[in-house]
Protein backbone atom coordinates (compact mmCIF):
# COMPACT_ATOMS: atom_id res chain seq x y z
CA UNK A 1 0.06 0.33 -0.22
CA UNK A 2 0.98 3.22 -1.37
CA UNK A 3 1.39 6.67 0.95
CA UNK A 4 1.62 8.03 -2.10
CA UNK A 5 -1.37 6.88 -4.21
CA UNK A 6 -3.15 8.32 -0.65
CA UNK A 7 -1.68 12.26 -0.89
CA UNK A 8 -2.71 11.97 -4.18
CA UNK A 9 -6.12 11.14 -3.61
CA UNK A 10 -6.73 12.63 -1.25
CA UNK A 11 -5.59 15.94 -2.98
CA UNK A 12 -8.18 14.93 -5.60
CA UNK A 13 -10.48 14.45 -2.55
CA UNK A 14 -10.29 18.40 -2.30
CA UNK A 15 -12.30 19.48 -5.21
CA UNK A 16 -14.31 15.74 -6.31
CA UNK A 17 -14.57 12.77 -3.56
CA UNK A 18 -13.19 9.94 -4.64
CA UNK A 19 -12.50 6.66 -3.08
CA UNK A 20 -9.84 4.22 -2.24
CA UNK A 21 -10.83 0.36 -2.03
CA UNK A 22 -8.42 -1.47 0.12
CA UNK A 23 -9.11 -5.13 0.06
CA UNK A 24 -7.12 -7.37 2.61
CA UNK A 25 -5.98 -10.70 2.01
CA UNK A 26 -5.98 -13.29 5.64
CA UNK A 27 -2.54 -13.75 4.23
CA UNK A 28 -1.54 -10.65 4.18
CA UNK A 29 -1.87 -8.95 7.03
CA UNK A 30 -2.13 -12.20 9.52
CA UNK A 31 1.16 -12.59 9.52
CA UNK A 32 2.65 -10.90 12.01
CA UNK A 33 5.56 -9.46 9.94
CA UNK A 34 3.10 -7.81 7.84
CA UNK A 35 0.63 -6.06 9.76
CA UNK A 36 3.11 -3.22 11.39
CA UNK A 37 2.95 -1.86 7.82
CA UNK A 38 -1.18 -2.27 7.24
CA UNK A 39 -1.40 -0.33 11.55
CA UNK A 40 1.48 2.01 10.27
CA UNK A 41 -0.69 2.91 6.45
CA UNK A 42 -3.66 3.39 8.37
CA UNK A 43 -2.86 5.59 11.12
CA UNK A 44 -0.86 7.84 8.37
CA UNK A 45 -4.76 8.17 6.57
CA UNK A 46 -7.11 8.63 9.68
CA UNK A 47 -4.77 11.23 10.96
CA UNK A 48 -5.45 13.13 7.75
CA UNK A 49 -8.93 15.76 7.52
CA UNK A 50 -11.88 14.45 6.16
CA UNK A 51 -11.79 10.61 5.85
CA UNK A 52 -13.83 7.94 6.12
CA UNK A 53 -12.25 4.91 7.27
CA UNK A 54 -15.05 2.58 6.60
CA UNK A 55 -16.85 -0.76 5.23
CA UNK A 56 -18.33 -1.03 1.17
CA UNK A 57 -21.60 -1.73 2.59
CA UNK A 58 -21.49 1.98 4.00
CA UNK A 59 -20.21 3.18 1.36
CA UNK A 60 -23.22 1.58 -1.29
CA UNK A 61 -25.96 3.00 1.56
CA UNK A 62 -24.43 6.69 1.44
CA UNK A 63 -24.80 6.55 -2.46
CA UNK A 64 -27.49 4.75 -2.44
CA UNK A 65 -29.32 7.77 -0.02
CA UNK A 66 -28.07 10.39 -2.32
CA UNK A 67 -28.52 9.05 -5.65
CA UNK A 68 -30.26 6.04 -6.33
């Protein structure tokens, strides 16, 4: 997971809504030596203003409430 990807989407999100799905596989996140990197990425993302950490279901609900 690249911090650069988040940084670009965050900057673009100032003018247009952006979504950065993060797909997690248990083999990857289930390894103790890898989890620290995921944790660090989420901490970096969460420290920014106006970021919504959520699930795909919640994004779907949000969209349907506004556009369907």
